[in-house]
Amino acid sequence: MDTGYKIRNQEKPYFLTFQVINWVDVFTRKRYKDIIVESLNFCVKNKSLKVHGWVIMSNHLHVIFSHEYNLSNIIRDFKTHTSKAIVRSIIEFPESRRDWILFQFNLRGKMNTRNKNFQFWTHSNHPIELNTNEMIDQRLNYIHENPVRAGLVLQSIHYAYSSAGDYADLPGLVPVVRID
């Protein structure tokens, strides 16, 4: 289904949202958030991904990415790898909600011809090209204040799974290319 949201200029920064199907709260567990962090770091180091902003919430992530050549391919690879790694972790390690989570992913996977077994991410990323400084500032603020609005922290720089600290000159979990 064409939603009208597409990455048209592969070299521009884009605000993207990666949502877990059925809004399943997977990222309440540290090990699943760490899979996302490891994957972001791999893409930065080995695929020349530029991460300008990011935050992991309980059932989705918001990011601002750019790439010199083909951002769409990086996103595809990132989502494919993370979905497989997280599902594998759910299956292989203790998880109190295992049966329910796998049921959700399996049910959605069976409904989609693009998947064989499980579907973890929704297909749409809702990409928004960031053309102006005002758009960039607004999206970065939205990303960084998300944990505050959710009541997870009182100040955005105290949330480890975000780039807010990077913009306050504090070391973060993922190398960030700041947009100032």
Protein backbone atom coordinates (compact mmCIF):
# COMPACT_ATOMS: atom_id res chain seq x y z
CA MET A 1 0.00 0.00 0.00
CA ASP A 2 1.42 3.38 -1.01
CA THR A 3 1.08 5.85 1.85
CA GLY A 4 2.76 8.70 -0.01
CA TYR A 5 5.69 8.67 2.40
CA LYS A 6 8.85 7.73 0.55
CA ILE A 7 12.53 8.42 0.75
CA ARG A 8 12.98 10.41 -2.43
CA ASN A 9 16.36 12.02 -1.80
CA GLN A 10 18.62 9.30 -0.40
CA GLU A 11 21.26 11.78 0.80
CA LYS A 12 19.02 14.03 2.92
CA PRO A 13 18.36 13.50 6.64
CA TYR A 14 15.05 11.78 7.37
CA PHE A 15 12.95 11.49 10.49
CA LEU A 16 11.71 7.89 10.70
CA THR A 17 9.60 5.86 13.09
CA PHE A 18 10.06 2.10 13.45
CA GLN A 19 7.02 0.65 15.18
CA VAL A 20 6.65 -2.85 16.63
CA ILE A 21 3.52 -4.53 15.28
CA ASN A 22 0.45 -4.22 17.49
CA TRP A 23 2.43 -1.80 19.66
CA VAL A 24 3.91 -4.74 21.59
CA ASP A 25 6.07 -3.35 24.42
CA VAL A 26 9.22 -5.28 23.60
CA PHE A 27 11.69 -2.56 24.53
CA THR A 28 10.81 -2.68 28.20
CA ARG A 29 13.62 -5.24 28.38
CA LYS A 30 17.24 -4.02 28.27
CA ARG A 31 18.48 -6.89 26.11
CA TYR A 32 16.17 -5.95 23.24
CA LYS A 33 17.16 -2.29 23.44
CA ASP A 34 20.79 -3.41 23.40
CA ILE A 35 20.18 -5.30 20.14
CA ILE A 36 18.98 -2.03 18.61
CA VAL A 37 22.05 -0.17 19.93
CA GLU A 38 24.43 -2.87 18.64
CA SER A 39 22.74 -2.79 15.24
CA LEU A 40 22.92 0.99 15.03
CA ASN A 41 26.61 0.87 15.93
CA PHE A 42 27.22 -1.80 13.27
CA CYS A 43 25.49 0.30 10.61
CA VAL A 44 27.48 3.39 11.60
CA LYS A 45 30.78 1.51 11.52
CA ASN A 46 30.26 -0.80 8.54
CA LYS A 47 27.56 0.78 6.37
CA SER A 48 28.37 4.51 6.70
CA LEU A 49 25.02 5.30 8.29
CA LYS A 50 24.84 8.74 9.85
CA VAL A 51 22.73 8.81 12.99
CA HIS A 52 21.73 12.38 13.85
CA GLY A 53 19.19 11.58 16.56
CA TRP A 54 17.53 8.55 18.09
CA VAL A 55 15.41 7.29 20.94
CA ILE A 56 14.11 3.84 21.86
CA MET A 57 10.69 3.82 23.51
CA SER A 58 8.77 0.78 24.79
CA ASN A 59 7.33 -0.21 21.40
CA HIS A 60 8.92 2.02 18.78
CA LEU A 61 11.96 4.07 17.93
CA HIS A 62 12.35 7.46 16.39
CA VAL A 63 15.50 8.26 14.46
CA ILE A 64 17.02 10.85 12.19
CA PHE A 65 19.24 9.10 9.64
CA SER A 66 21.14 10.05 6.53
CA HIS A 67 23.43 8.18 4.17
CA GLU A 68 25.58 9.16 1.20
CA TYR A 69 24.07 6.71 -1.28
CA ASN A 70 21.12 4.57 -0.31
CA LEU A 71 19.33 5.15 2.96
CA SER A 72 16.47 2.84 1.95
CA ASN A 73 18.77 -0.18 1.75
CA ILE A 74 20.31 0.55 5.15
CA ILE A 75 16.86 0.82 6.72
CA ARG A 76 15.77 -2.45 5.11
CA ASP A 77 18.88 -4.26 6.37
CA PHE A 78 18.59 -2.73 9.85
CA LYS A 79 14.95 -3.74 10.23
CA THR A 80 15.57 -7.25 8.87
CA HIS A 81 18.52 -7.89 11.16
CA THR A 82 16.95 -6.43 14.30
CA SER A 83 13.65 -8.25 13.82
CA LYS A 84 15.42 -11.62 13.45
CA ALA A 85 17.80 -10.96 16.35
CA ILE A 86 15.05 -9.84 18.74
CA VAL A 87 12.73 -12.74 17.86
CA ARG A 88 15.65 -15.16 18.29
CA SER A 89 16.39 -13.63 21.70
CA ILE A 90 12.74 -13.95 22.73
CA ILE A 91 12.81 -17.63 21.77
CA GLU A 92 16.20 -18.52 23.26
CA PHE A 93 16.27 -16.61 26.56
CA PRO A 94 13.88 -16.39 29.51
CA GLU A 95 10.95 -14.14 28.70
CA SER A 96 7.81 -14.13 30.85
CA ARG A 97 5.68 -12.93 27.94
CA ARG A 98 7.24 -15.25 25.34
CA ASP A 99 4.09 -17.12 24.26
CA TRP A 100 1.97 -14.00 23.98
CA ILE A 101 4.64 -11.99 22.12
CA LEU A 102 5.41 -14.79 19.66
CA PHE A 103 1.69 -15.31 19.09
CA GLN A 104 1.35 -11.63 18.13
CA PHE A 105 4.34 -11.74 15.78
CA ASN A 106 3.32 -15.07 14.25
CA LEU A 107 -0.27 -14.00 13.69
CA ARG A 108 0.83 -10.83 11.90
CA GLY A 109 3.46 -12.77 9.95
CA LYS A 110 0.86 -15.19 8.61
CA MET A 111 -1.26 -12.25 7.45
CA ASN A 112 1.60 -10.85 5.36
CA THR A 113 2.95 -12.57 2.25
CA ARG A 114 6.32 -10.82 2.67
CA ASN A 115 7.05 -12.83 5.83
CA LYS A 116 7.59 -16.52 6.43
CA ASN A 117 7.02 -16.82 10.17
CA PHE A 118 7.07 -13.68 12.25
CA GLN A 119 6.56 -10.00 11.63
CA PHE A 120 8.24 -7.72 14.14
CA TRP A 121 8.21 -4.23 12.58
CA THR A 122 5.37 -2.57 10.72
CA HIS A 123 6.28 -1.95 7.09
CA SER A 124 5.82 1.80 7.06
CA ASN A 125 8.57 4.00 8.47
CA HIS A 126 6.69 7.23 7.82
CA PRO A 127 9.84 8.96 6.46
CA ILE A 128 9.83 12.75 6.60
CA GLU A 129 12.60 14.58 4.78
CA LEU A 130 14.07 17.30 6.97
CA ASN A 131 14.56 20.27 4.65
CA THR A 132 14.92 23.15 7.08
CA ASN A 133 16.67 23.89 10.36
CA GLU A 134 13.26 24.44 11.92
CA MET A 135 12.14 20.92 10.93
CA ILE A 136 15.38 19.41 12.23
CA ASP A 137 15.13 21.26 15.55
CA GLN A 138 11.49 20.29 15.98
CA ARG A 139 12.13 16.57 15.31
CA LEU A 140 15.26 16.45 17.51
CA ASN A 141 13.31 18.06 20.34
CA TYR A 142 10.46 15.58 19.81
CA ILE A 143 12.91 12.65 19.89
CA HIS A 144 14.74 13.85 22.98
CA GLU A 145 11.64 14.84 24.97
CA ASN A 146 9.78 11.58 24.24
CA PRO A 147 11.10 9.79 27.39
CA VAL A 148 10.24 12.86 29.48
CA ARG A 149 6.68 12.96 28.13
CA ALA A 150 6.39 9.20 28.83
CA GLY A 151 7.44 9.76 32.47
CA LEU A 152 10.61 7.67 32.17
CA VAL A 153 12.97 10.47 33.22
CA LEU A 154 12.72 14.05 34.45
CA GLN A 155 15.35 15.34 32.04
CA SER A 156 16.02 14.04 28.55
CA ILE A 157 19.78 13.76 29.09
CA HIS A 158 19.17 11.11 31.77
CA TYR A 159 17.65 8.61 29.33
CA ALA A 160 20.48 6.33 28.14
CA TYR A 161 18.70 5.03 25.03
CA SER A 162 18.64 8.37 23.28
CA SER A 163 20.92 10.89 21.63
CA ALA A 164 19.88 13.67 24.02
CA GLY A 165 23.13 13.37 25.95
CA ASP A 166 25.17 13.66 22.76
CA TYR A 167 23.64 17.07 22.15
CA ALA A 168 24.67 18.07 25.70
CA ASP A 169 28.28 16.94 25.07
CA LEU A 170 27.85 13.74 27.08
CA PRO A 171 28.99 10.37 25.71
CA GLY A 172 26.20 8.25 24.28
CA LEU A 173 25.67 4.63 23.29
CA VAL A 174 25.66 5.35 19.53
CA PRO A 175 27.99 7.72 17.67
CA VAL A 176 25.91 10.71 16.59
CA VAL A 177 26.62 13.19 13.83
CA ARG A 178 25.21 16.31 15.41
CA ILE A 179 23.07 18.69 13.44
CA ASP A 180 23.51 22.07 15.12
